[in-house]
C-alpha atoms as a PDB file:
ATOM      1  CA  UNK A   1       2.519  25.524  30.596  1.00  0.00           C
ATOM      2  CA  UNK A   2       5.718  25.592  28.562  1.00  0.00           C
ATOM      3  CA  UNK A   3       7.500  23.430  31.131  1.00  0.00           C
ATOM      4  CA  UNK A   4       4.829  20.747  30.703  1.00  0.00           C
ATOM      5  CA  UNK A   5       5.174  20.700  26.914  1.00  0.00           C
ATOM      6  CA  UNK A   6       8.898  19.990  26.822  1.00  0.00           C
ATOM      7  CA  UNK A   7       8.767  16.657  28.753  1.00  0.00           C
ATOM      8  CA  UNK A   8       5.767  15.561  26.669  1.00  0.00           C
ATOM      9  CA  UNK A   9       7.712  16.262  23.471  1.00  0.00           C
ATOM     10  CA  UNK A  10      10.656  14.227  24.756  1.00  0.00           C
ATOM     11  CA  UNK A  11       8.402  11.271  25.570  1.00  0.00           C
ATOM     12  CA  UNK A  12       6.755  11.388  22.146  1.00  0.00           C
ATOM     13  CA  UNK A  13      10.065  11.689  20.297  1.00  0.00           C
ATOM     14  CA  UNK A  14      11.341   8.586  22.094  1.00  0.00           C
ATOM     15  CA  UNK A  15       8.414   6.606  20.639  1.00  0.00           C
ATOM     16  CA  UNK A  16       9.238   7.450  17.022  1.00  0.00           C
ATOM     17  CA  UNK A  17      11.828   5.215  15.324  1.00  0.00           C
ATOM     18  CA  UNK A  18      14.921   6.982  14.032  1.00  0.00           C
ATOM     19  CA  UNK A  19      14.934   5.637  10.494  1.00  0.00           C
ATOM     20  CA  UNK A  20      13.118   3.384   8.068  1.00  0.00           C
ATOM     21  CA  UNK A  21      12.772  -0.240   9.050  1.00  0.00           C
ATOM     22  CA  UNK A  22      14.972  -2.789   7.366  1.00  0.00           C
ATOM     23  CA  UNK A  23      13.125  -5.259   5.120  1.00  0.00           C
ATOM     24  CA  UNK A  24      12.164  -8.489   6.855  1.00  0.00           C
ATOM     25  CA  UNK A  25      13.181 -10.713   3.961  1.00  0.00           C
ATOM     26  CA  UNK A  26      15.141 -10.750   0.726  1.00  0.00           C
ATOM     27  CA  UNK A  27      14.211  -8.444  -2.167  1.00  0.00           C
ATOM     28  CA  UNK A  28      10.848  -9.129  -3.824  1.00  0.00           C
ATOM     29  CA  UNK A  29      10.719 -10.032  -7.510  1.00  0.00           C
ATOM     30  CA  UNK A  30       7.730  -9.200  -9.712  1.00  0.00           C
ATOM     31  CA  UNK A  31       7.113 -12.322 -11.810  1.00  0.00           C
ATOM     32  CA  UNK A  32       4.143 -10.936 -13.725  1.00  0.00           C
ATOM     33  CA  UNK A  33       1.987  -7.814 -13.704  1.00  0.00           C
ATOM     34  CA  UNK A  34      -1.093  -7.606 -15.914  1.00  0.00           C
ATOM     35  CA  UNK A  35      -3.784  -4.944 -16.034  1.00  0.00           C
ATOM     36  CA  UNK A  36      -7.378  -5.431 -17.182  1.00  0.00           C
ATOM     37  CA  UNK A  37      -9.599  -2.331 -17.067  1.00  0.00           C
ATOM     38  CA  UNK A  38      -9.146  -0.984 -13.528  1.00  0.00           C
ATOM     39  CA  UNK A  39      -7.662  -4.068 -11.857  1.00  0.00           C
ATOM     40  CA  UNK A  40      -4.014  -5.113 -11.885  1.00  0.00           C
ATOM     41  CA  UNK A  41      -2.850  -8.642 -11.028  1.00  0.00           C
ATOM     42  CA  UNK A  42       0.685  -8.749  -9.613  1.00  0.00           C
ATOM     43  CA  UNK A  43       2.468 -12.091  -9.115  1.00  0.00           C
ATOM     44  CA  UNK A  44       5.514 -12.034  -6.805  1.00  0.00           C
ATOM     45  CA  UNK A  45       8.145 -14.133  -5.049  1.00  0.00           C
ATOM     46  CA  UNK A  46      11.513 -13.542  -3.430  1.00  0.00           C
ATOM     47  CA  UNK A  47      14.398 -12.880  -5.842  1.00  0.00           C
ATOM     48  CA  UNK A  48      16.147 -15.995  -4.582  1.00  0.00           C
ATOM     49  CA  UNK A  49      13.150 -18.038  -5.794  1.00  0.00           C
ATOM     50  CA  UNK A  50      11.633 -18.628  -2.382  1.00  0.00           C
ATOM     51  CA  UNK A  51       7.995 -18.176  -1.484  1.00  0.00           C
ATOM     52  CA  UNK A  52       6.983 -15.044   0.407  1.00  0.00           C
ATOM     53  CA  UNK A  53       5.949 -16.089   3.940  1.00  0.00           C
ATOM     54  CA  UNK A  54       2.836 -14.729   5.642  1.00  0.00           C
ATOM     55  CA  UNK A  55       5.037 -12.647   7.966  1.00  0.00           C
ATOM     56  CA  UNK A  56       6.337 -10.629   4.983  1.00  0.00           C
ATOM     57  CA  UNK A  57       3.090 -10.553   3.000  1.00  0.00           C
ATOM     58  CA  UNK A  58       2.190  -6.954   3.880  1.00  0.00           C
ATOM     59  CA  UNK A  59       5.498  -5.682   2.498  1.00  0.00           C
ATOM     60  CA  UNK A  60       4.788  -7.551  -0.740  1.00  0.00           C
ATOM     61  CA  UNK A  61       1.273  -6.114  -0.977  1.00  0.00           C
ATOM     62  CA  UNK A  62       2.625  -2.581  -0.519  1.00  0.00           C
ATOM     63  CA  UNK A  63       5.130  -3.230  -3.310  1.00  0.00           C
ATOM     64  CA  UNK A  64       2.316  -4.465  -5.577  1.00  0.00           C
ATOM     65  CA  UNK A  65       0.285  -1.353  -4.814  1.00  0.00           C
ATOM     66  CA  UNK A  66       3.268   0.861  -5.734  1.00  0.00           C
ATOM     67  CA  UNK A  67       3.528  -0.535  -9.255  1.00  0.00           C
ATOM     68  CA  UNK A  68      -0.101  -1.415 -10.029  1.00  0.00           C
ATOM     69  CA  UNK A  69      -1.711   1.925 -10.787  1.00  0.00           C
ATOM     70  CA  UNK A  70      -1.086   4.773 -13.186  1.00  0.00           C
ATOM     71  CA  UNK A  71      -0.287   8.354 -12.235  1.00  0.00           C
ATOM     72  CA  UNK A  72      -3.270   9.953 -10.508  1.00  0.00           C
ATOM     73  CA  UNK A  73      -4.874   6.661  -9.448  1.00  0.00           C
ATOM     74  CA  UNK A  74      -5.138   5.357  -5.913  1.00  0.00           C
ATOM     75  CA  UNK A  75      -4.501   1.639  -5.266  1.00  0.00           C
ATOM     76  CA  UNK A  76      -6.774  -0.534  -3.140  1.00  0.00           C
ATOM     77  CA  UNK A  77      -5.594  -4.053  -2.313  1.00  0.00           C
ATOM     78  CA  UNK A  78      -8.367  -6.466  -3.279  1.00  0.00           C
ATOM     79  CA  UNK A  79      -7.459 -10.156  -2.897  1.00  0.00           C
ATOM     80  CA  UNK A  80      -4.361 -12.219  -2.129  1.00  0.00           C
ATOM     81  CA  UNK A  81      -3.832 -15.824  -3.160  1.00  0.00           C
ATOM     82  CA  UNK A  82      -0.941 -18.272  -2.865  1.00  0.00           C
ATOM     83  CA  UNK A  83      -0.131 -21.051  -5.319  1.00  0.00           C
ATOM     84  CA  UNK A  84       3.092 -22.868  -6.276  1.00  0.00           C
ATOM     85  CA  UNK A  85       5.259 -20.602  -4.115  1.00  0.00           C
ATOM     86  CA  UNK A  86       3.901 -17.424  -5.732  1.00  0.00           C
ATOM     87  CA  UNK A  87       1.873 -14.668  -4.102  1.00  0.00           C
ATOM     88  CA  UNK A  88      -0.770 -13.126  -6.366  1.00  0.00           C
ATOM     89  CA  UNK A  89      -2.245  -9.768  -5.365  1.00  0.00           C
ATOM     90  CA  UNK A  90      -5.156  -8.137  -7.177  1.00  0.00           C
ATOM     91  CA  UNK A  91      -5.070  -4.355  -6.886  1.00  0.00           C
ATOM     92  CA  UNK A  92      -8.064  -2.194  -7.768  1.00  0.00           C
ATOM     93  CA  UNK A  93      -7.114   1.268  -9.112  1.00  0.00           C
ATOM     94  CA  UNK A  94      -9.431   4.192  -8.407  1.00  0.00           C
ATOM     95  CA  UNK A  95      -9.072   7.393 -10.417  1.00  0.00           C
ATOM     96  CA  UNK A  96      -9.410  10.721  -8.672  1.00  0.00           C
ATOM     97  CA  UNK A  97     -11.651  13.207 -10.449  1.00  0.00           C
ATOM     98  CA  UNK A  98     -10.820  16.865 -10.053  1.00  0.00           C
ATOM     99  CA  UNK A  99     -13.466  19.383 -11.015  1.00  0.00           C
ATOM    100  CA  UNK A 100     -14.434  22.980 -10.402  1.00  0.00           C
ATOM    101  CA  UNK A 101     -18.128  22.052 -10.342  1.00  0.00           C
ATOM    102  CA  UNK A 102     -19.909  23.128  -7.174  1.00  0.00           C
ATOM    103  CA  UNK A 103     -22.787  20.918  -6.083  1.00  0.00           C
ATOM    104  CA  UNK A 104     -25.635  22.597  -4.235  1.00  0.00           C
ATOM    105  CA  UNK A 105     -26.917  20.184  -1.626  1.00  0.00           C
ATOM    106  CA  UNK A 106     -29.421  22.524   0.008  1.00  0.00           C
ATOM    107  CA  UNK A 107     -32.420  20.515  -1.262  1.00  0.00           C
ATOM    108  CA  UNK A 108     -31.122  17.147  -0.076  1.00  0.00           C
ATOM    109  CA  UNK A 109     -33.200  15.409   2.576  1.00  0.00           C
ATOM    110  CA  UNK A 110     -31.379  13.887   5.515  1.00  0.00           C
END
């Protein structure tokens, strides 16, 4: 059994990249970030002034999600729009409630 596990581990380790991927484009600049209630609008472009192409849009959305929410909130990407070379991402922030309350669900009908 042990002999079978070692080759499987070698195959799996070959599939994992060694380090973090290099960014696909130049650094992303945050032009504007505004929060209203639980939604943050983040407007971005490349630092060199260029528009963010569709191929690099996911990296930009992840960057927007990093800065959009406060400590203890989880970001959810809502909408993306493009206008005048700018990418606007709306991020919805969901707060996590921690409680010691135990809910008895024994009378719930399924």
